Amino acid sequence: MGKTGRDWSQIYVIYGMDDWQTPVFLLLHAIIFSVSSVLFLVYFDWVYYCFQLTLPAVFSPGFTRFAAGFTGSVIALSAVCLFYAAGNIFYSSVALRWEIAQRMASVVHDWSTVRTALDVGCGRGILLNAVAIQLKKEGSSGRVVGLDRKNTTLSTLRTAGIEGVQEYVTCREGDARRLPFSDEYFDVVVSAGFVHTVGKEFGQKTAAAAAERMRVIGEVVRVMKGGGVGVVWDLVHVPEYVQRLHELKMEDIRVSERVTAYMVNSHIVSFRKPCQHVVGPSEVRLDWRFNGIC
């Protein structure tokens, strides 16, 4: 990933972490496993003696020593994995999200022409503020709406105020499966690390959950203007989104390289809504409003 241009500590102070319990839990277990592996090494002869007493007499001393050593190695390797998991989740929660937000914002080449933008699942506003910063930098009169299923308005507007872009940001509570906006309303629609959480009450790998995620993608396309740009960063399920976007006849669909986030694969997918968008078997919408392209 490229440099953010900002100090990590500053980003963490501004945005905080929604889920700090998980990395702390993993870190504590990593420390416990590390201490255990050191003790295992220091007192190996005593551990070996305990293994001799525990394992049946039919096993040779060589096998018993191997079993003791293998157990110690597994404990040490587990500690390394837990440290990595804690670090990756801590990094993914804020710093990586900030880097991804900058990359997503760079997909739109001319923010000065953008009048309306939407961040679906805005949370504390990392991506929302990145968009607002671009609008401010380009001197745009546009605004970005942050939508979340939880009422995070106060914390989101607080971060926007710290970033100096509060006048460019509005927040709204709503369901991403039924976006409370009219058709073809936004020039740009973005979402970061959110869509995969929709439908999780049905189980992540169920057909019902997949259907709910596809509803979100459909809603994103519905509220985009013809010629508008969509950018989605998410975990695991991006190939499903790409397939759905092809079904919806989106153009310029591009998928980024793999980025490890929260210990799983993630990708950024960007696309453009065609100016002439086929909605049904015999219905075609024409839109000439966005950026003079259409």
C-alpha atoms as a PDB file:
ATOM      1  CA  MET A   1       0.000   0.000   0.000  1.00  0.00           C
ATOM      2  CA  GLY A   2       1.122   3.578  -0.625  1.00  0.00           C
ATOM      3  CA  LYS A   3       1.862   6.130   2.058  1.00  0.00           C
ATOM      4  CA  THR A   4      -1.077   7.960   3.587  1.00  0.00           C
ATOM      5  CA  GLY A   5       0.829  11.226   4.025  1.00  0.00           C
ATOM      6  CA  ARG A   6      -0.348  11.336   7.631  1.00  0.00           C
ATOM      7  CA  ASP A   7       0.891   9.982  10.910  1.00  0.00           C
ATOM      8  CA  TRP A   8      -0.856   6.799  11.997  1.00  0.00           C
ATOM      9  CA  SER A   9      -1.256   8.022  15.572  1.00  0.00           C
ATOM     10  CA  GLN A  10      -3.124  11.088  14.322  1.00  0.00           C
ATOM     11  CA  ILE A  11      -5.522   8.923  12.303  1.00  0.00           C
ATOM     12  CA  TYR A  12      -6.193   6.635  15.282  1.00  0.00           C
ATOM     13  CA  VAL A  13      -6.780   9.617  17.586  1.00  0.00           C
ATOM     14  CA  ILE A  14      -9.330  11.118  15.195  1.00  0.00           C
ATOM     15  CA  TYR A  15     -11.269   7.974  14.283  1.00  0.00           C
ATOM     16  CA  GLY A  16     -10.657   5.505  17.092  1.00  0.00           C
ATOM     17  CA  MET A  17     -11.587   1.841  16.747  1.00  0.00           C
ATOM     18  CA  ASP A  18     -15.065   0.318  16.724  1.00  0.00           C
ATOM     19  CA  ASP A  19     -13.796  -3.102  17.789  1.00  0.00           C
ATOM     20  CA  TRP A  20     -10.701  -2.897  19.988  1.00  0.00           C
ATOM     21  CA  GLN A  21     -11.650  -6.005  21.999  1.00  0.00           C
ATOM     22  CA  THR A  22     -10.657  -8.450  19.241  1.00  0.00           C
ATOM     23  CA  PRO A  23      -7.023  -7.308  18.768  1.00  0.00           C
ATOM     24  CA  VAL A  24      -6.581  -7.011  22.542  1.00  0.00           C
ATOM     25  CA  PHE A  25      -7.961 -10.544  23.004  1.00  0.00           C
ATOM     26  CA  LEU A  26      -5.594 -11.877  20.334  1.00  0.00           C
ATOM     27  CA  LEU A  27      -2.634  -9.947  21.758  1.00  0.00           C
ATOM     28  CA  LEU A  28      -3.181 -11.294  25.267  1.00  0.00           C
ATOM     29  CA  HIS A  29      -3.335 -14.854  23.969  1.00  0.00           C
ATOM     30  CA  ALA A  30      -0.214 -14.243  21.853  1.00  0.00           C
ATOM     31  CA  ILE A  31       1.653 -13.142  24.996  1.00  0.00           C
ATOM     32  CA  ILE A  32       0.423 -16.183  26.926  1.00  0.00           C
ATOM     33  CA  PHE A  33       1.524 -18.525  24.135  1.00  0.00           C
ATOM     34  CA  SER A  34       4.885 -16.752  23.860  1.00  0.00           C
ATOM     35  CA  VAL A  35       5.569 -17.108  27.576  1.00  0.00           C
ATOM     36  CA  SER A  36       4.477 -20.741  27.419  1.00  0.00           C
ATOM     37  CA  SER A  37       6.847 -21.478  24.525  1.00  0.00           C
ATOM     38  CA  VAL A  38       9.776 -19.888  26.402  1.00  0.00           C
ATOM     39  CA  LEU A  39       8.988 -21.892  29.522  1.00  0.00           C
ATOM     40  CA  PHE A  40       8.669 -24.973  27.357  1.00  0.00           C
ATOM     41  CA  LEU A  41      12.197 -24.369  26.052  1.00  0.00           C
ATOM     42  CA  VAL A  42      13.752 -23.531  29.432  1.00  0.00           C
ATOM     43  CA  TYR A  43      12.213 -26.519  31.196  1.00  0.00           C
ATOM     44  CA  PHE A  44      12.315 -28.895  28.231  1.00  0.00           C
ATOM     45  CA  ASP A  45      13.910 -31.759  30.188  1.00  0.00           C
ATOM     46  CA  TRP A  46      11.137 -31.615  32.779  1.00  0.00           C
ATOM     47  CA  VAL A  47       8.488 -31.435  30.017  1.00  0.00           C
ATOM     48  CA  TYR A  48      10.140 -34.399  28.313  1.00  0.00           C
ATOM     49  CA  TYR A  49       9.990 -36.336  31.589  1.00  0.00           C
ATOM     50  CA  CYS A  50       6.249 -35.538  31.899  1.00  0.00           C
ATOM     51  CA  PHE A  51       5.677 -36.768  28.359  1.00  0.00           C
ATOM     52  CA  GLN A  52       7.453 -40.027  29.242  1.00  0.00           C
ATOM     53  CA  LEU A  53       5.093 -40.513  32.164  1.00  0.00           C
ATOM     54  CA  THR A  54       2.030 -39.592  30.084  1.00  0.00           C
ATOM     55  CA  LEU A  55       2.624 -41.478  26.849  1.00  0.00           C
ATOM     56  CA  PRO A  56       2.272 -45.264  26.800  1.00  0.00           C
ATOM     57  CA  ALA A  57       5.478 -47.211  27.399  1.00  0.00           C
ATOM     58  CA  VAL A  58       5.299 -48.686  23.881  1.00  0.00           C
ATOM     59  CA  PHE A  59       6.651 -45.397  22.469  1.00  0.00           C
ATOM     60  CA  SER A  60      10.415 -45.081  22.282  1.00  0.00           C
ATOM     61  CA  PRO A  61      12.314 -42.257  24.082  1.00  0.00           C
ATOM     62  CA  GLY A  62      13.129 -40.755  20.700  1.00  0.00           C
ATOM     63  CA  PHE A  63       9.470 -40.489  19.754  1.00  0.00           C
ATOM     64  CA  THR A  64       8.608 -39.030  23.161  1.00  0.00           C
ATOM     65  CA  ARG A  65      11.297 -36.346  22.775  1.00  0.00           C
ATOM     66  CA  PHE A  66       9.991 -35.573  19.275  1.00  0.00           C
ATOM     67  CA  ALA A  67       6.420 -35.258  20.598  1.00  0.00           C
ATOM     68  CA  ALA A  68       7.543 -32.847  23.311  1.00  0.00           C
ATOM     69  CA  GLY A  69       9.559 -30.765  20.853  1.00  0.00           C
ATOM     70  CA  PHE A  70       6.732 -30.727  18.313  1.00  0.00           C
ATOM     71  CA  THR A  71       4.273 -29.519  20.977  1.00  0.00           C
ATOM     72  CA  GLY A  72       6.615 -26.687  21.930  1.00  0.00           C
ATOM     73  CA  SER A  73       7.024 -25.702  18.283  1.00  0.00           C
ATOM     74  CA  VAL A  74       3.259 -25.592  17.776  1.00  0.00           C
ATOM     75  CA  ILE A  75       2.895 -23.338  20.829  1.00  0.00           C
ATOM     76  CA  ALA A  76       5.588 -20.963  19.511  1.00  0.00           C
ATOM     77  CA  LEU A  77       4.076 -20.910  16.003  1.00  0.00           C
ATOM     78  CA  SER A  78       0.648 -20.208  17.477  1.00  0.00           C
ATOM     79  CA  ALA A  79       2.096 -17.199  19.300  1.00  0.00           C
ATOM     80  CA  VAL A  80       3.532 -15.836  16.033  1.00  0.00           C
ATOM     81  CA  CYS A  81       0.190 -16.301  14.251  1.00  0.00           C
ATOM     82  CA  LEU A  82      -1.719 -14.592  17.063  1.00  0.00           C
ATOM     83  CA  PHE A  83       0.681 -11.627  17.043  1.00  0.00           C
ATOM     84  CA  TYR A  84       0.233 -11.315  13.269  1.00  0.00           C
ATOM     85  CA  ALA A  85      -3.558 -11.553  13.518  1.00  0.00           C
ATOM     86  CA  ALA A  86      -3.706  -8.896  16.269  1.00  0.00           C
ATOM     87  CA  GLY A  87      -1.450  -6.575  14.267  1.00  0.00           C
ATOM     88  CA  ASN A  88      -3.335  -7.081  10.998  1.00  0.00           C
ATOM     89  CA  ILE A  89      -6.728  -6.419  12.582  1.00  0.00           C
ATOM     90  CA  PHE A  90      -5.397  -3.339  14.416  1.00  0.00           C
ATOM     91  CA  TYR A  91      -3.884  -2.027  11.161  1.00  0.00           C
ATOM     92  CA  SER A  92      -6.954  -2.897   9.082  1.00  0.00           C
ATOM     93  CA  SER A  93      -9.376  -1.146  11.426  1.00  0.00           C
ATOM     94  CA  VAL A  94      -8.118   2.397  10.832  1.00  0.00           C
ATOM     95  CA  ALA A  95      -4.760   2.839   9.051  1.00  0.00           C
ATOM     96  CA  LEU A  96      -5.562   0.487   6.155  1.00  0.00           C
ATOM     97  CA  ARG A  97      -9.057   1.932   5.864  1.00  0.00           C
ATOM     98  CA  TRP A  98      -7.521   5.373   5.531  1.00  0.00           C
ATOM     99  CA  GLU A  99      -5.129   4.213   2.807  1.00  0.00           C
ATOM    100  CA  ILE A 100      -7.942   2.451   0.967  1.00  0.00           C
ATOM    101  CA  ALA A 101     -10.097   5.586   1.235  1.00  0.00           C
ATOM    102  CA  GLN A 102      -7.397   7.620  -0.499  1.00  0.00           C
ATOM    103  CA  ARG A 103      -7.173   5.063  -3.298  1.00  0.00           C
ATOM    104  CA  MET A 104     -10.939   4.986  -3.717  1.00  0.00           C
ATOM    105  CA  ALA A 105     -11.147   8.781  -3.863  1.00  0.00           C
ATOM    106  CA  SER A 106      -8.460   8.835  -6.563  1.00  0.00           C
ATOM    107  CA  VAL A 107     -10.681   6.756  -8.874  1.00  0.00           C
ATOM    108  CA  VAL A 108     -12.759   9.876  -9.565  1.00  0.00           C
ATOM    109  CA  HIS A 109     -10.555  12.058 -11.731  1.00  0.00           C
ATOM    110  CA  ASP A 110     -12.466  15.338 -11.446  1.00  0.00           C
ATOM    111  CA  TRP A 111     -14.206  16.019  -8.149  1.00  0.00           C
ATOM    112  CA  SER A 112     -14.968  19.620  -9.149  1.00  0.00           C
ATOM    113  CA  THR A 113     -17.895  18.372 -11.280  1.00  0.00           C
ATOM    114  CA  VAL A 114     -19.379  16.193  -8.510  1.00  0.00           C
ATOM    115  CA  ARG A 115     -22.470  17.673  -6.876  1.00  0.00           C
ATOM    116  CA  THR A 116     -23.785  14.710  -4.914  1.00  0.00           C
ATOM    117  CA  ALA A 117     -21.924  11.728  -3.452  1.00  0.00           C
ATOM    118  CA  LEU A 118     -22.984   8.897  -1.158  1.00  0.00           C
ATOM    119  CA  ASP A 119     -20.999   6.731   1.264  1.00  0.00           C
ATOM    120  CA  VAL A 120     -22.943   3.550   2.056  1.00  0.00           C
ATOM    121  CA  GLY A 121     -22.072   2.270   5.534  1.00  0.00           C
ATOM    122  CA  CYS A 122     -20.059   5.337   6.512  1.00  0.00           C
ATOM    123  CA  GLY A 123     -19.317   4.328  10.133  1.00  0.00           C
ATOM    124  CA  ARG A 124     -17.111   6.947  11.780  1.00  0.00           C
ATOM    125  CA  GLY A 125     -16.463   8.625   8.474  1.00  0.00           C
ATOM    126  CA  ILE A 126     -12.995   7.665   7.228  1.00  0.00           C
ATOM    127  CA  LEU A 127     -14.087   7.303   3.583  1.00  0.00           C
ATOM    128  CA  LEU A 128     -16.803   9.930   3.968  1.00  0.00           C
ATOM    129  CA  ASN A 129     -14.246  12.532   5.034  1.00  0.00           C
ATOM    130  CA  ALA A 130     -11.796  11.464   2.317  1.00  0.00           C
ATOM    131  CA  VAL A 131     -14.492  12.267  -0.250  1.00  0.00           C
ATOM    132  CA  ALA A 132     -15.335  15.553   1.494  1.00  0.00           C
ATOM    133  CA  ILE A 133     -11.638  16.518   1.511  1.00  0.00           C
ATOM    134  CA  GLN A 134     -11.515  15.980  -2.259  1.00  0.00           C
ATOM    135  CA  LEU A 135     -14.617  18.123  -2.753  1.00  0.00           C
ATOM    136  CA  LYS A 136     -13.078  20.883  -0.655  1.00  0.00           C
ATOM    137  CA  LYS A 137      -9.700  20.644  -2.380  1.00  0.00           C
ATOM    138  CA  GLU A 138     -11.282  20.935  -5.841  1.00  0.00           C
ATOM    139  CA  GLY A 139     -13.481  23.841  -4.807  1.00  0.00           C
ATOM    140  CA  SER A 140     -16.646  21.889  -5.511  1.00  0.00           C
ATOM    141  CA  SER A 141     -20.017  23.030  -4.217  1.00  0.00           C
ATOM    142  CA  GLY A 142     -21.003  19.388  -3.844  1.00  0.00           C
ATOM    143  CA  ARG A 143     -21.950  17.492  -0.720  1.00  0.00           C
ATOM    144  CA  VAL A 144     -21.443  13.906   0.430  1.00  0.00           C
ATOM    145  CA  VAL A 145     -24.080  11.968   2.366  1.00  0.00           C
ATOM    146  CA  GLY A 146     -23.006   9.322   4.847  1.00  0.00           C
ATOM    147  CA  LEU A 147     -25.558   6.552   5.365  1.00  0.00           C
ATOM    148  CA  ASP A 148     -25.329   3.995   8.150  1.00  0.00           C
ATOM    149  CA  ARG A 149     -27.769   1.533   9.680  1.00  0.00           C
ATOM    150  CA  LYS A 150     -26.704   2.686  13.152  1.00  0.00           C
ATOM    151  CA  ASN A 151     -27.141   6.242  14.378  1.00  0.00           C
ATOM    152  CA  THR A 152     -23.514   7.379  14.196  1.00  0.00           C
ATOM    153  CA  THR A 153     -24.297  10.965  13.256  1.00  0.00           C
ATOM    154  CA  LEU A 154     -22.644  12.637  16.250  1.00  0.00           C
ATOM    155  CA  SER A 155     -19.361  10.715  16.055  1.00  0.00           C
ATOM    156  CA  THR A 156     -19.252  11.042  12.257  1.00  0.00           C
ATOM    157  CA  LEU A 157     -19.853  14.799  12.276  1.00  0.00           C
ATOM    158  CA  ARG A 158     -17.262  15.135  15.044  1.00  0.00           C
ATOM    159  CA  THR A 159     -14.573  13.568  12.844  1.00  0.00           C
ATOM    160  CA  ALA A 160     -15.702  15.707   9.902  1.00  0.00           C
ATOM    161  CA  GLY A 161     -15.296  18.787  12.095  1.00  0.00           C
ATOM    162  CA  ILE A 162     -11.773  17.738  13.083  1.00  0.00           C
ATOM    163  CA  GLU A 163     -10.923  17.222   9.401  1.00  0.00           C
ATOM    164  CA  GLY A 164     -12.332  20.652   8.585  1.00  0.00           C
ATOM    165  CA  VAL A 165     -14.987  19.401   6.158  1.00  0.00           C
ATOM    166  CA  GLN A 166     -18.161  19.462   8.251  1.00  0.00           C
ATOM    167  CA  GLU A 167     -19.891  21.830   5.806  1.00  0.00           C
ATOM    168  CA  TYR A 168     -19.491  19.226   3.058  1.00  0.00           C
ATOM    169  CA  VAL A 169     -20.945  16.326   5.053  1.00  0.00           C
ATOM    170  CA  THR A 170     -24.436  15.242   6.026  1.00  0.00           C
ATOM    171  CA  CYS A 171     -25.440  11.987   7.742  1.00  0.00           C
ATOM    172  CA  ARG A 172     -28.503   9.836   7.498  1.00  0.00           C
ATOM    173  CA  GLU A 173     -29.652   6.612   9.103  1.00  0.00           C
ATOM    174  CA  GLY A 174     -31.060   3.983   6.765  1.00  0.00           C
ATOM    175  CA  ASP A 175     -31.004   0.479   5.331  1.00  0.00           C
ATOM    176  CA  ALA A 176     -28.582  -0.103   2.448  1.00  0.00           C
ATOM    177  CA  ARG A 177     -30.972  -2.704   1.028  1.00  0.00           C
ATOM    178  CA  ARG A 178     -33.596   0.042   0.589  1.00  0.00           C
ATOM    179  CA  LEU A 179     -31.674   3.280   0.100  1.00  0.00           C
ATOM    180  CA  PRO A 180     -33.896   6.262   1.009  1.00  0.00           C
ATOM    181  CA  PHE A 181     -33.038   8.175  -2.169  1.00  0.00           C
ATOM    182  CA  SER A 182     -34.641   8.575  -5.564  1.00  0.00           C
ATOM    183  CA  ASP A 183     -33.363   6.938  -8.741  1.00  0.00           C
ATOM    184  CA  GLU A 184     -30.242   8.421 -10.353  1.00  0.00           C
ATOM    185  CA  TYR A 185     -29.604  10.904  -7.559  1.00  0.00           C
ATOM    186  CA  PHE A 186     -25.826  10.652  -6.956  1.00  0.00           C
ATOM    187  CA  ASP A 187     -22.848  11.383  -9.175  1.00  0.00           C
ATOM    188  CA  VAL A 188     -20.587   9.126  -7.082  1.00  0.00           C
ATOM    189  CA  VAL A 189     -21.403   6.232  -4.731  1.00  0.00           C
ATOM    190  CA  VAL A 190     -18.738   4.633  -2.532  1.00  0.00           C
ATOM    191  CA  SER A 191     -18.653   1.997   0.189  1.00  0.00           C
ATOM    192  CA  ALA A 192     -15.777   0.579   2.223  1.00  0.00           C
ATOM    193  CA  GLY A 193     -15.788  -2.652   4.205  1.00  0.00           C
ATOM    194  CA  PHE A 194     -19.544  -2.670   4.628  1.00  0.00           C
ATOM    195  CA  VAL A 195     -21.463  -4.725   2.065  1.00  0.00           C
ATOM    196  CA  HIS A 196     -20.196  -8.081   3.388  1.00  0.00           C
ATOM    197  CA  THR A 197     -21.877  -7.339   6.745  1.00  0.00           C
ATOM    198  CA  VAL A 198     -25.333  -7.136   5.175  1.00  0.00           C
ATOM    199  CA  GLY A 199     -27.373 -10.294   5.637  1.00  0.00           C
ATOM    200  CA  LYS A 200     -24.987 -11.819   8.154  1.00  0.00           C
ATOM    201  CA  GLU A 201     -27.975 -12.738  10.304  1.00  0.00           C
ATOM    202  CA  PHE A 202     -28.634 -15.471   7.716  1.00  0.00           C
ATOM    203  CA  GLY A 203     -25.046 -16.766   7.882  1.00  0.00           C
ATOM    204  CA  GLN A 204     -22.251 -15.465   5.664  1.00  0.00           C
ATOM    205  CA  LYS A 205     -22.216 -18.421   3.250  1.00  0.00           C
ATOM    206  CA  THR A 206     -25.965 -18.834   2.782  1.00  0.00           C
ATOM    207  CA  ALA A 207     -27.907 -18.035  -0.362  1.00  0.00           C
ATOM    208  CA  ALA A 208     -30.114 -15.669   1.635  1.00  0.00           C
ATOM    209  CA  ALA A 209     -27.111 -13.611   2.756  1.00  0.00           C
ATOM    210  CA  ALA A 210     -25.779 -13.476  -0.813  1.00  0.00           C
ATOM    211  CA  ALA A 211     -29.173 -12.271  -2.013  1.00  0.00           C
ATOM    212  CA  GLU A 212     -29.142  -9.465   0.554  1.00  0.00           C
ATOM    213  CA  ARG A 213     -25.676  -8.350  -0.569  1.00  0.00           C
ATOM    214  CA  MET A 214     -26.840  -8.336  -4.181  1.00  0.00           C
ATOM    215  CA  ARG A 215     -29.759  -6.124  -3.174  1.00  0.00           C
ATOM    216  CA  VAL A 216     -27.267  -3.585  -1.848  1.00  0.00           C
ATOM    217  CA  ILE A 217     -25.312  -3.632  -5.113  1.00  0.00           C
ATOM    218  CA  GLY A 218     -28.575  -3.178  -7.003  1.00  0.00           C
ATOM    219  CA  GLU A 219     -29.506  -0.220  -4.825  1.00  0.00           C
ATOM    220  CA  VAL A 220     -26.094   1.376  -5.357  1.00  0.00           C
ATOM    221  CA  VAL A 221     -26.621   1.166  -9.119  1.00  0.00           C
ATOM    222  CA  ARG A 222     -30.203   2.453  -8.857  1.00  0.00           C
ATOM    223  CA  VAL A 223     -29.289   5.698  -7.081  1.00  0.00           C
ATOM    224  CA  MET A 224     -26.343   6.470  -9.395  1.00  0.00           C
ATOM    225  CA  LYS A 225     -26.793   8.913 -12.246  1.00  0.00           C
ATOM    226  CA  GLY A 226     -26.063   7.816 -15.769  1.00  0.00           C
ATOM    227  CA  GLY A 227     -22.336   8.287 -16.235  1.00  0.00           C
ATOM    228  CA  GLY A 228     -21.830   8.157 -12.476  1.00  0.00           C
ATOM    229  CA  VAL A 229     -18.976   6.323 -10.793  1.00  0.00           C
ATOM    230  CA  GLY A 230     -19.203   3.609  -8.136  1.00  0.00           C
ATOM    231  CA  VAL A 231     -16.309   2.383  -5.986  1.00  0.00           C
ATOM    232  CA  VAL A 232     -16.656  -0.476  -3.483  1.00  0.00           C
ATOM    233  CA  TRP A 233     -13.978  -1.980  -1.236  1.00  0.00           C
ATOM    234  CA  ASP A 234     -14.975  -5.152   0.531  1.00  0.00           C
ATOM    235  CA  LEU A 235     -13.864  -8.508   1.884  1.00  0.00           C
ATOM    236  CA  VAL A 236     -14.218 -12.010   0.384  1.00  0.00           C
ATOM    237  CA  HIS A 237     -17.354 -11.476  -1.728  1.00  0.00           C
ATOM    238  CA  VAL A 238     -16.060  -9.054  -4.387  1.00  0.00           C
ATOM    239  CA  PRO A 239     -16.275 -11.660  -7.222  1.00  0.00           C
ATOM    240  CA  GLU A 240     -20.027 -11.851  -6.523  1.00  0.00           C
ATOM    241  CA  TYR A 241     -20.308  -8.078  -6.851  1.00  0.00           C
ATOM    242  CA  VAL A 242     -18.402  -8.093 -10.129  1.00  0.00           C
ATOM    243  CA  GLN A 243     -20.734 -10.733 -11.542  1.00  0.00           C
ATOM    244  CA  ARG A 244     -23.779  -8.742 -10.435  1.00  0.00           C
ATOM    245  CA  LEU A 245     -22.384  -5.536 -11.949  1.00  0.00           C
ATOM    246  CA  HIS A 246     -21.912  -7.324 -15.266  1.00  0.00           C
ATOM    247  CA  GLU A 247     -25.529  -8.503 -15.062  1.00  0.00           C
ATOM    248  CA  LEU A 248     -26.603  -4.898 -14.473  1.00  0.00           C
ATOM    249  CA  LYS A 249     -24.667  -3.847 -17.611  1.00  0.00           C
ATOM    250  CA  MET A 250     -22.205  -1.592 -15.799  1.00  0.00           C
ATOM    251  CA  GLU A 251     -19.176  -0.346 -17.726  1.00  0.00           C
ATOM    252  CA  ASP A 252     -15.449   0.057 -16.991  1.00  0.00           C
ATOM    253  CA  ILE A 253     -15.560  -2.566 -14.235  1.00  0.00           C
ATOM    254  CA  ARG A 254     -12.107  -2.797 -12.687  1.00  0.00           C
ATOM    255  CA  VAL A 255     -10.853  -4.886  -9.783  1.00  0.00           C
ATOM    256  CA  SER A 256      -7.723  -4.003  -7.810  1.00  0.00           C
ATOM    257  CA  GLU A 257      -4.991  -6.346  -6.672  1.00  0.00           C
ATOM    258  CA  ARG A 258      -5.581  -8.372  -3.503  1.00  0.00           C
ATOM    259  CA  VAL A 259      -5.142  -6.596  -0.175  1.00  0.00           C
ATOM    260  CA  THR A 260      -5.087  -8.595   3.076  1.00  0.00           C
ATOM    261  CA  ALA A 261      -7.492  -7.018   5.541  1.00  0.00           C
ATOM    262  CA  TYR A 262      -8.836  -8.545   8.740  1.00  0.00           C
ATOM    263  CA  MET A 263      -6.907 -11.719   7.834  1.00  0.00           C
ATOM    264  CA  VAL A 264      -8.851 -12.287   4.590  1.00  0.00           C
ATOM    265  CA  ASN A 265      -8.641 -11.154   0.961  1.00  0.00           C
ATOM    266  CA  SER A 266     -10.130  -7.830  -0.063  1.00  0.00           C
ATOM    267  CA  HIS A 267     -10.360  -5.895  -3.350  1.00  0.00           C
ATOM    268  CA  ILE A 268     -11.521  -2.537  -4.649  1.00  0.00           C
ATOM    269  CA  VAL A 269     -13.987  -2.697  -7.524  1.00  0.00           C
ATOM    270  CA  SER A 270     -14.826   0.421  -9.529  1.00  0.00           C
ATOM    271  CA  PHE A 271     -17.377   0.840 -12.300  1.00  0.00           C
ATOM    272  CA  ARG A 272     -19.361   3.377 -14.281  1.00  0.00           C
ATOM    273  CA  LYS A 273     -23.068   3.438 -14.932  1.00  0.00           C
ATOM    274  CA  PRO A 274     -23.764   3.763 -18.649  1.00  0.00           C
ATOM    275  CA  CYS A 275     -25.612   6.858 -19.807  1.00  0.00           C
ATOM    276  CA  GLN A 276     -28.119   4.659 -21.570  1.00  0.00           C
ATOM    277  CA  HIS A 277     -29.080   2.177 -18.896  1.00  0.00           C
ATOM    278  CA  VAL A 278     -31.370  -0.750 -19.684  1.00  0.00           C
ATOM    279  CA  VAL A 279     -33.717  -1.158 -16.719  1.00  0.00           C
ATOM    280  CA  GLY A 280     -36.210  -3.695 -17.956  1.00  0.00           C
ATOM    281  CA  PRO A 281     -37.018  -5.716 -21.078  1.00  0.00           C
ATOM    282  CA  SER A 282     -38.297  -2.682 -22.974  1.00  0.00           C
ATOM    283  CA  GLU A 283     -37.294   0.302 -20.830  1.00  0.00           C
ATOM    284  CA  VAL A 284     -34.222   2.431 -21.438  1.00  0.00           C
ATOM    285  CA  ARG A 285     -33.127   5.440 -19.386  1.00  0.00           C
ATOM    286  CA  LEU A 286     -31.108   8.237 -20.933  1.00  0.00           C
ATOM    287  CA  ASP A 287     -29.090  10.579 -18.726  1.00  0.00           C
ATOM    288  CA  TRP A 288     -27.109  13.540 -20.015  1.00  0.00           C
ATOM    289  CA  ARG A 289     -26.295  15.144 -16.686  1.00  0.00           C
ATOM    290  CA  PHE A 290     -23.017  13.777 -15.439  1.00  0.00           C
ATOM    291  CA  ASN A 291     -19.848  15.627 -16.288  1.00  0.00           C
ATOM    292  CA  GLY A 292     -20.785  16.192 -19.905  1.00  0.00           C
ATOM    293  CA  ILE A 293     -19.780  12.618 -20.739  1.00  0.00           C
ATOM    294  CA  CYS A 294     -23.122  11.270 -21.794  1.00  0.00           C
END
